N, C-alpha and C. Protein backbone atom coordinates (compact mmCIF):
# COMPACT_ATOMS: atom_id res chain seq x y z
N MET A 1 97.71 -41.57 -20.21
CA MET A 1 97.35 -40.46 -19.35
C MET A 1 96.27 -39.62 -20.04
N THR A 2 95.21 -39.31 -19.31
CA THR A 2 94.12 -38.52 -19.85
C THR A 2 94.45 -37.04 -19.72
N LYS A 3 94.27 -36.32 -20.80
CA LYS A 3 94.50 -34.87 -20.77
C LYS A 3 93.26 -34.20 -20.18
N ARG A 4 93.43 -33.33 -19.21
CA ARG A 4 92.33 -32.67 -18.50
C ARG A 4 92.32 -31.18 -18.81
N ILE A 5 91.13 -30.59 -18.70
CA ILE A 5 91.01 -29.15 -18.88
C ILE A 5 91.63 -28.44 -17.68
N SER A 6 92.44 -27.45 -17.97
CA SER A 6 93.04 -26.61 -16.93
C SER A 6 92.90 -25.17 -17.36
N GLY A 7 93.36 -24.27 -16.53
CA GLY A 7 93.35 -22.86 -16.89
C GLY A 7 94.13 -22.59 -18.16
N MET A 8 95.11 -23.42 -18.45
CA MET A 8 95.92 -23.25 -19.65
C MET A 8 95.17 -23.69 -20.91
N SER A 9 94.06 -24.42 -20.73
CA SER A 9 93.29 -24.92 -21.87
C SER A 9 92.32 -23.88 -22.43
N PHE A 10 92.01 -22.85 -21.67
CA PHE A 10 90.95 -21.93 -22.05
C PHE A 10 91.40 -20.88 -23.05
N ASP A 11 90.52 -20.61 -24.00
CA ASP A 11 90.65 -19.48 -24.90
C ASP A 11 89.48 -18.56 -24.64
N PHE A 12 89.64 -17.31 -24.97
CA PHE A 12 88.62 -16.29 -24.74
C PHE A 12 88.44 -15.54 -26.04
N TYR A 13 87.20 -15.39 -26.47
CA TYR A 13 86.92 -14.69 -27.72
C TYR A 13 86.18 -13.40 -27.42
N LEU A 14 86.69 -12.30 -27.98
CA LEU A 14 86.12 -10.98 -27.83
C LEU A 14 86.00 -10.37 -29.21
N ASP A 15 84.80 -9.97 -29.58
CA ASP A 15 84.57 -9.36 -30.88
C ASP A 15 85.06 -10.28 -32.01
N GLY A 16 84.88 -11.60 -31.82
CA GLY A 16 85.28 -12.58 -32.82
C GLY A 16 86.77 -12.88 -32.89
N THR A 17 87.54 -12.28 -32.00
CA THR A 17 88.99 -12.46 -32.00
C THR A 17 89.43 -13.17 -30.73
N MET A 18 90.31 -14.17 -30.87
CA MET A 18 90.84 -14.84 -29.69
C MET A 18 91.81 -13.91 -28.98
N VAL A 19 91.59 -13.76 -27.67
CA VAL A 19 92.43 -12.89 -26.84
C VAL A 19 92.99 -13.74 -25.71
N HIS A 20 94.29 -13.61 -25.48
CA HIS A 20 94.90 -14.32 -24.36
C HIS A 20 94.67 -13.51 -23.09
N VAL A 21 94.18 -14.18 -22.06
CA VAL A 21 94.00 -13.53 -20.76
C VAL A 21 94.96 -14.13 -19.75
N GLU A 22 95.43 -13.30 -18.87
CA GLU A 22 96.27 -13.79 -17.78
C GLU A 22 95.39 -14.45 -16.72
N LYS A 23 94.19 -13.87 -16.52
CA LYS A 23 93.24 -14.41 -15.55
C LYS A 23 91.86 -13.89 -15.92
N ILE A 24 90.84 -14.72 -15.70
CA ILE A 24 89.48 -14.29 -15.96
C ILE A 24 88.56 -14.91 -14.93
N THR A 25 87.56 -14.15 -14.50
CA THR A 25 86.56 -14.67 -13.58
C THR A 25 85.17 -14.33 -14.11
N LEU A 26 84.18 -15.12 -13.72
CA LEU A 26 82.77 -14.86 -14.01
C LEU A 26 81.98 -15.46 -12.86
N ASP A 27 81.26 -14.62 -12.14
CA ASP A 27 80.48 -15.06 -10.98
C ASP A 27 79.00 -14.72 -11.19
N ILE A 28 78.14 -15.67 -10.87
CA ILE A 28 76.69 -15.47 -10.92
C ILE A 28 76.18 -15.27 -9.51
N THR A 29 75.32 -14.27 -9.34
CA THR A 29 74.58 -14.09 -8.10
C THR A 29 73.13 -14.39 -8.40
N ASP A 30 72.58 -15.37 -7.71
CA ASP A 30 71.19 -15.78 -7.90
C ASP A 30 70.50 -15.68 -6.55
N ASN A 31 69.58 -14.75 -6.43
CA ASN A 31 68.92 -14.50 -5.15
C ASN A 31 67.63 -15.31 -4.98
N THR A 32 67.61 -16.52 -5.54
CA THR A 32 66.51 -17.43 -5.28
C THR A 32 66.49 -17.70 -3.78
N ALA A 33 65.30 -17.72 -3.19
CA ALA A 33 65.19 -17.85 -1.74
C ALA A 33 64.17 -18.92 -1.36
N ALA A 34 64.43 -19.56 -0.24
CA ALA A 34 63.48 -20.53 0.31
C ALA A 34 62.28 -19.77 0.89
N THR A 35 61.09 -20.33 0.70
CA THR A 35 59.89 -19.77 1.34
C THR A 35 59.59 -20.60 2.58
N GLN A 36 58.84 -19.99 3.48
CA GLN A 36 58.51 -20.68 4.72
C GLN A 36 57.05 -20.44 5.07
N THR A 37 56.48 -21.41 5.69
CA THR A 37 55.16 -21.28 6.30
C THR A 37 55.31 -21.70 7.76
N HIS A 38 54.94 -20.81 8.66
CA HIS A 38 55.09 -21.06 10.10
C HIS A 38 56.53 -21.41 10.45
N GLY A 39 57.48 -20.78 9.76
CA GLY A 39 58.90 -20.98 10.06
C GLY A 39 59.49 -22.26 9.51
N VAL A 40 58.72 -22.97 8.66
CA VAL A 40 59.21 -24.24 8.10
C VAL A 40 59.37 -24.08 6.59
N PRO A 41 60.52 -24.46 6.04
CA PRO A 41 60.70 -24.35 4.59
C PRO A 41 59.62 -25.14 3.84
N ASP A 42 59.05 -24.50 2.79
CA ASP A 42 58.02 -25.19 2.00
C ASP A 42 58.09 -24.81 0.53
N GLY A 43 59.26 -24.60 0.04
CA GLY A 43 59.43 -24.28 -1.37
C GLY A 43 60.41 -23.15 -1.57
N TYR A 44 60.28 -22.50 -2.71
CA TYR A 44 61.20 -21.41 -3.02
C TYR A 44 60.53 -20.42 -3.97
N VAL A 45 61.12 -19.24 -4.05
CA VAL A 45 60.73 -18.24 -5.04
C VAL A 45 61.99 -17.83 -5.79
N ASP A 46 61.81 -17.64 -7.11
CA ASP A 46 62.93 -17.18 -7.91
C ASP A 46 63.30 -15.76 -7.50
N GLY A 47 64.59 -15.50 -7.44
CA GLY A 47 65.07 -14.17 -7.12
C GLY A 47 65.72 -13.52 -8.32
N ASP A 48 66.16 -12.30 -8.14
CA ASP A 48 66.86 -11.61 -9.22
C ASP A 48 68.24 -12.24 -9.42
N VAL A 49 68.78 -12.05 -10.61
CA VAL A 49 70.10 -12.59 -10.93
C VAL A 49 70.99 -11.50 -11.47
N SER A 50 72.27 -11.68 -11.29
CA SER A 50 73.27 -10.80 -11.90
C SER A 50 74.53 -11.62 -12.10
N ALA A 51 75.40 -11.12 -12.94
CA ALA A 51 76.69 -11.78 -13.16
C ALA A 51 77.73 -10.72 -13.46
N GLU A 52 78.90 -10.96 -12.96
CA GLU A 52 80.02 -10.05 -13.22
C GLU A 52 81.32 -10.81 -13.08
N GLY A 53 82.35 -10.20 -13.58
CA GLY A 53 83.66 -10.83 -13.50
C GLY A 53 84.75 -9.82 -13.78
N GLU A 54 85.93 -10.34 -14.05
CA GLU A 54 87.07 -9.48 -14.31
C GLU A 54 88.02 -10.17 -15.28
N LEU A 55 88.49 -9.40 -16.23
CA LEU A 55 89.53 -9.84 -17.15
C LEU A 55 90.85 -9.25 -16.67
N GLU A 56 91.90 -10.01 -16.74
CA GLU A 56 93.24 -9.46 -16.50
C GLU A 56 94.04 -9.72 -17.76
N LEU A 57 94.38 -8.64 -18.45
CA LEU A 57 95.04 -8.72 -19.74
C LEU A 57 96.44 -8.14 -19.68
N SER A 58 97.34 -8.73 -20.47
CA SER A 58 98.67 -8.15 -20.62
C SER A 58 98.53 -6.89 -21.48
N ILE A 59 99.53 -6.05 -21.45
CA ILE A 59 99.52 -4.84 -22.27
C ILE A 59 99.40 -5.22 -23.74
N LYS A 60 100.05 -6.31 -24.14
CA LYS A 60 99.98 -6.78 -25.52
C LYS A 60 98.54 -7.14 -25.90
N SER A 61 97.84 -7.87 -25.03
CA SER A 61 96.46 -8.27 -25.31
C SER A 61 95.48 -7.10 -25.26
N MET A 62 95.88 -6.02 -24.64
CA MET A 62 95.01 -4.84 -24.57
C MET A 62 94.80 -4.20 -25.93
N ALA A 63 95.59 -4.57 -26.93
CA ALA A 63 95.47 -3.98 -28.27
C ALA A 63 94.08 -4.19 -28.85
N ILE A 64 93.45 -5.33 -28.57
CA ILE A 64 92.09 -5.60 -29.06
C ILE A 64 91.12 -4.59 -28.45
N LEU A 65 91.23 -4.39 -27.14
CA LEU A 65 90.35 -3.41 -26.48
C LEU A 65 90.65 -1.99 -26.95
N LYS A 66 91.90 -1.71 -27.18
CA LYS A 66 92.27 -0.37 -27.66
C LYS A 66 91.59 -0.09 -28.99
N GLY A 67 91.54 -1.09 -29.88
CA GLY A 67 90.85 -0.93 -31.16
C GLY A 67 89.37 -0.66 -30.97
N LEU A 68 88.74 -1.37 -30.02
CA LEU A 68 87.32 -1.13 -29.74
C LEU A 68 87.10 0.27 -29.18
N ALA A 69 88.02 0.72 -28.32
CA ALA A 69 87.92 2.06 -27.74
C ALA A 69 88.07 3.13 -28.82
N GLN A 70 89.00 2.92 -29.76
CA GLN A 70 89.18 3.88 -30.84
C GLN A 70 87.92 3.96 -31.70
N GLN A 71 87.31 2.80 -32.00
CA GLN A 71 86.07 2.79 -32.77
C GLN A 71 84.95 3.53 -32.04
N ALA A 72 84.88 3.34 -30.72
CA ALA A 72 83.81 3.94 -29.92
C ALA A 72 84.09 5.41 -29.59
N GLY A 73 85.33 5.84 -29.72
CA GLY A 73 85.68 7.22 -29.39
C GLY A 73 86.12 7.42 -27.95
N SER A 74 86.03 6.38 -27.13
CA SER A 74 86.50 6.45 -25.74
C SER A 74 86.52 5.05 -25.16
N TRP A 75 87.24 4.88 -24.07
CA TRP A 75 87.27 3.58 -23.39
C TRP A 75 85.89 3.28 -22.82
N ARG A 76 85.30 4.25 -22.18
CA ARG A 76 83.99 4.05 -21.56
C ARG A 76 82.90 3.80 -22.59
N GLY A 77 83.11 4.28 -23.80
CA GLY A 77 82.12 4.14 -24.85
C GLY A 77 82.09 2.79 -25.54
N ILE A 78 83.00 1.88 -25.17
CA ILE A 78 82.99 0.55 -25.78
C ILE A 78 81.63 -0.09 -25.48
N PRO A 79 80.91 -0.49 -26.52
CA PRO A 79 79.59 -1.09 -26.28
C PRO A 79 79.73 -2.47 -25.62
N PRO A 80 78.66 -2.93 -24.97
CA PRO A 80 78.71 -4.27 -24.38
C PRO A 80 79.08 -5.33 -25.42
N GLN A 81 79.88 -6.29 -25.00
CA GLN A 81 80.39 -7.33 -25.88
C GLN A 81 79.94 -8.70 -25.38
N ASP A 82 79.76 -9.63 -26.30
CA ASP A 82 79.51 -11.02 -25.93
C ASP A 82 80.86 -11.71 -25.76
N PHE A 83 81.02 -12.43 -24.66
CA PHE A 83 82.25 -13.16 -24.38
C PHE A 83 82.00 -14.65 -24.56
N LEU A 84 82.96 -15.34 -25.13
CA LEU A 84 82.92 -16.79 -25.25
C LEU A 84 84.18 -17.34 -24.63
N PHE A 85 84.01 -18.18 -23.63
CA PHE A 85 85.13 -18.86 -22.97
C PHE A 85 85.04 -20.33 -23.38
N TYR A 86 86.11 -20.87 -23.93
CA TYR A 86 86.07 -22.22 -24.48
C TYR A 86 87.34 -22.98 -24.12
N ALA A 87 87.15 -24.24 -23.76
CA ALA A 87 88.31 -25.08 -23.47
C ALA A 87 88.04 -26.49 -23.98
N LYS A 88 89.07 -27.11 -24.51
CA LYS A 88 89.00 -28.50 -24.93
C LYS A 88 90.35 -29.14 -24.66
N ALA A 89 90.30 -30.29 -24.01
CA ALA A 89 91.50 -31.06 -23.74
C ALA A 89 91.12 -32.53 -23.84
N GLY A 90 91.65 -33.21 -24.84
CA GLY A 90 91.29 -34.61 -25.03
C GLY A 90 89.80 -34.71 -25.32
N THR A 91 89.09 -35.48 -24.52
CA THR A 91 87.65 -35.63 -24.71
C THR A 91 86.83 -34.66 -23.88
N GLU A 92 87.48 -33.90 -23.00
CA GLU A 92 86.77 -32.91 -22.17
C GLU A 92 86.61 -31.61 -22.94
N GLU A 93 85.43 -31.03 -22.83
CA GLU A 93 85.15 -29.77 -23.52
C GLU A 93 84.17 -28.97 -22.69
N THR A 94 84.36 -27.66 -22.65
CA THR A 94 83.41 -26.79 -21.97
C THR A 94 83.36 -25.45 -22.67
N LYS A 95 82.16 -24.85 -22.66
CA LYS A 95 81.97 -23.56 -23.31
C LYS A 95 81.03 -22.74 -22.44
N VAL A 96 81.44 -21.52 -22.13
CA VAL A 96 80.61 -20.60 -21.36
C VAL A 96 80.48 -19.33 -22.18
N GLU A 97 79.23 -18.90 -22.37
CA GLU A 97 78.95 -17.67 -23.08
C GLU A 97 78.32 -16.68 -22.11
N ALA A 98 78.81 -15.46 -22.11
CA ALA A 98 78.25 -14.37 -21.31
C ALA A 98 77.89 -13.25 -22.28
N PHE A 99 76.65 -12.78 -22.21
CA PHE A 99 76.13 -11.86 -23.22
C PHE A 99 76.03 -10.42 -22.70
N GLY A 100 76.38 -9.49 -23.57
CA GLY A 100 76.25 -8.07 -23.24
C GLY A 100 77.14 -7.65 -22.09
N CYS A 101 78.40 -8.02 -22.13
CA CYS A 101 79.32 -7.70 -21.04
C CYS A 101 79.82 -6.26 -21.18
N LYS A 102 79.45 -5.43 -20.23
CA LYS A 102 79.86 -4.02 -20.22
C LYS A 102 81.14 -3.92 -19.40
N MET A 103 82.21 -3.52 -20.07
CA MET A 103 83.52 -3.45 -19.42
C MET A 103 83.79 -2.05 -18.87
N ASN A 104 84.55 -2.01 -17.79
CA ASN A 104 85.03 -0.76 -17.19
C ASN A 104 86.49 -0.97 -16.85
N LEU A 105 87.33 -0.02 -17.22
CA LEU A 105 88.73 -0.14 -16.82
C LEU A 105 88.84 0.07 -15.32
N SER A 106 89.75 -0.65 -14.69
CA SER A 106 89.90 -0.54 -13.25
C SER A 106 91.36 -0.27 -12.92
N SER A 107 92.12 -1.31 -12.76
CA SER A 107 93.52 -1.20 -12.36
C SER A 107 94.36 -1.02 -13.63
N ILE A 108 94.55 0.25 -14.03
CA ILE A 108 95.25 0.49 -15.29
C ILE A 108 96.77 0.57 -15.13
N LEU A 109 97.24 0.76 -13.92
CA LEU A 109 98.68 0.71 -13.65
C LEU A 109 98.92 -0.06 -12.36
N ASP A 110 99.74 -1.09 -12.45
CA ASP A 110 100.17 -1.85 -11.29
C ASP A 110 101.55 -2.40 -11.64
N ILE A 111 102.53 -1.55 -11.49
CA ILE A 111 103.88 -1.87 -11.96
C ILE A 111 104.80 -2.04 -10.77
N ASP A 112 105.52 -3.15 -10.77
CA ASP A 112 106.50 -3.43 -9.73
C ASP A 112 107.88 -3.09 -10.30
N PRO A 113 108.56 -2.09 -9.75
CA PRO A 113 109.86 -1.70 -10.31
C PRO A 113 110.92 -2.78 -10.22
N LYS A 114 110.69 -3.82 -9.41
CA LYS A 114 111.66 -4.91 -9.31
C LYS A 114 111.61 -5.81 -10.53
N GLY A 115 110.54 -5.70 -11.31
CA GLY A 115 110.42 -6.53 -12.51
C GLY A 115 110.03 -7.96 -12.16
N GLY A 116 110.18 -8.83 -13.14
CA GLY A 116 109.88 -10.24 -12.92
C GLY A 116 108.41 -10.58 -13.04
N ALA A 117 107.58 -9.57 -13.35
CA ALA A 117 106.15 -9.83 -13.50
C ALA A 117 105.66 -9.10 -14.75
N LEU A 118 104.72 -9.72 -15.41
CA LEU A 118 104.12 -9.14 -16.61
C LEU A 118 103.25 -7.95 -16.24
N ALA A 119 103.36 -6.87 -16.99
CA ALA A 119 102.49 -5.71 -16.76
C ALA A 119 101.10 -6.05 -17.28
N THR A 120 100.10 -5.89 -16.41
CA THR A 120 98.72 -6.23 -16.78
C THR A 120 97.77 -5.09 -16.44
N ARG A 121 96.58 -5.20 -17.00
CA ARG A 121 95.49 -4.28 -16.68
C ARG A 121 94.26 -5.11 -16.34
N LYS A 122 93.48 -4.62 -15.40
CA LYS A 122 92.27 -5.33 -14.98
C LYS A 122 91.04 -4.61 -15.51
N ILE A 123 90.12 -5.42 -16.03
CA ILE A 123 88.90 -4.87 -16.61
C ILE A 123 87.70 -5.60 -16.00
N PRO A 124 87.05 -4.99 -15.01
CA PRO A 124 85.82 -5.58 -14.49
C PRO A 124 84.71 -5.45 -15.53
N TYR A 125 83.77 -6.37 -15.50
CA TYR A 125 82.64 -6.30 -16.43
C TYR A 125 81.38 -6.83 -15.75
N LYS A 126 80.24 -6.39 -16.26
CA LYS A 126 78.93 -6.84 -15.78
C LYS A 126 78.14 -7.38 -16.97
N VAL A 127 77.44 -8.48 -16.78
CA VAL A 127 76.59 -9.05 -17.81
C VAL A 127 75.29 -8.23 -17.84
N THR A 128 74.95 -7.69 -19.04
CA THR A 128 73.81 -6.76 -19.13
C THR A 128 72.72 -7.22 -20.10
N ASP A 129 72.89 -8.33 -20.76
CA ASP A 129 71.94 -8.79 -21.78
C ASP A 129 71.00 -9.83 -21.17
N PRO A 130 69.70 -9.80 -21.51
CA PRO A 130 68.77 -10.78 -20.94
C PRO A 130 69.08 -12.23 -21.34
N ARG A 131 69.87 -12.44 -22.39
CA ARG A 131 70.28 -13.82 -22.71
C ARG A 131 71.18 -14.37 -21.62
N PHE A 132 71.76 -13.46 -20.83
CA PHE A 132 72.52 -13.74 -19.62
C PHE A 132 73.72 -14.66 -19.88
N ILE A 133 73.65 -15.91 -19.49
CA ILE A 133 74.78 -16.83 -19.57
C ILE A 133 74.31 -18.19 -20.06
N ASN A 134 75.08 -18.78 -20.96
CA ASN A 134 74.88 -20.17 -21.38
C ASN A 134 76.09 -20.97 -20.92
N ILE A 135 75.83 -22.14 -20.36
CA ILE A 135 76.91 -23.01 -19.92
C ILE A 135 76.78 -24.31 -20.71
N ASP A 136 77.77 -24.59 -21.54
CA ASP A 136 77.75 -25.76 -22.42
C ASP A 136 76.46 -25.81 -23.25
N GLY A 137 76.05 -24.64 -23.75
CA GLY A 137 74.88 -24.56 -24.62
C GLY A 137 73.55 -24.51 -23.90
N ILE A 138 73.54 -24.59 -22.59
CA ILE A 138 72.30 -24.58 -21.81
C ILE A 138 72.17 -23.23 -21.11
N PRO A 139 71.05 -22.50 -21.35
CA PRO A 139 70.88 -21.20 -20.69
C PRO A 139 70.79 -21.37 -19.17
N TYR A 140 71.35 -20.41 -18.45
CA TYR A 140 71.22 -20.41 -16.99
C TYR A 140 69.78 -20.13 -16.60
N LEU A 141 69.15 -19.19 -17.29
CA LEU A 141 67.78 -18.80 -16.97
C LEU A 141 66.78 -19.59 -17.81
N GLU A 142 65.65 -19.93 -17.21
CA GLU A 142 64.59 -20.61 -17.92
C GLU A 142 63.93 -19.64 -18.90
N PRO A 143 63.38 -20.14 -20.02
CA PRO A 143 62.79 -19.26 -21.04
C PRO A 143 61.71 -18.32 -20.49
N GLU A 144 60.94 -18.77 -19.51
CA GLU A 144 59.86 -17.92 -18.95
C GLU A 144 60.42 -16.64 -18.32
N ALA A 145 61.65 -16.71 -17.80
CA ALA A 145 62.23 -15.54 -17.14
C ALA A 145 62.59 -14.44 -18.11
N THR A 146 62.79 -14.80 -19.38
CA THR A 146 63.26 -13.81 -20.36
C THR A 146 62.33 -13.66 -21.55
N GLU A 147 61.15 -14.31 -21.53
CA GLU A 147 60.30 -14.34 -22.72
C GLU A 147 59.89 -12.97 -23.25
N ASN A 148 59.72 -11.99 -22.40
CA ASN A 148 59.32 -10.65 -22.86
C ASN A 148 60.52 -9.73 -23.06
N LEU A 149 61.72 -10.25 -22.84
CA LEU A 149 62.92 -9.42 -22.93
C LEU A 149 63.75 -9.71 -24.17
N ILE A 150 63.61 -10.92 -24.70
CA ILE A 150 64.42 -11.32 -25.86
C ILE A 150 63.51 -11.35 -27.08
N GLY A 151 63.89 -10.59 -28.12
CA GLY A 151 63.07 -10.50 -29.33
C GLY A 151 63.19 -11.65 -30.26
C-alpha cells in the first residue's frame, strides 16, 4: 500500500518552530484577464495578485504566537512572518512557502459549553512580501514581476 499525503501529513513552521495547526488555508487571487479584440479573445494581460489564509490553532499551540506578541509588545505588533508548510508521506513530498504573512487575531473565543471540542483560535493572515509564494521551490510569480521589489 502506498502512503499518500493527507492533512495529517502536514507540518507548519513559524519563526523556525514547528507548530501544530488544527486547520490551515492559503488562497491565491490572480486577476490575470483575457484580452479581446472585436469581442474575440486574443491573449491575456497579467493582473494584480494577492494571497491570504487562516490558521486555526489550539490554545496550546497559541503559545508560540504569544511569545511573538510578548516580544513585539502587542498582538497586533507581531511583525510579518514567513510560513513554511511541508508534507512528506512515502515518496510524495510537497512544500509551500508564503512570505511576509501579516497575522490578525479574529475568532479569539468560540467555546461550546457542551464540551467535546478542542478550544481553538482563528488567525487570518495576508501575504505581504514581494517574494509572495513558492510551491515546491518554484515561485508563483515570474522574476520580471518582482525584479524592482526584491533586493
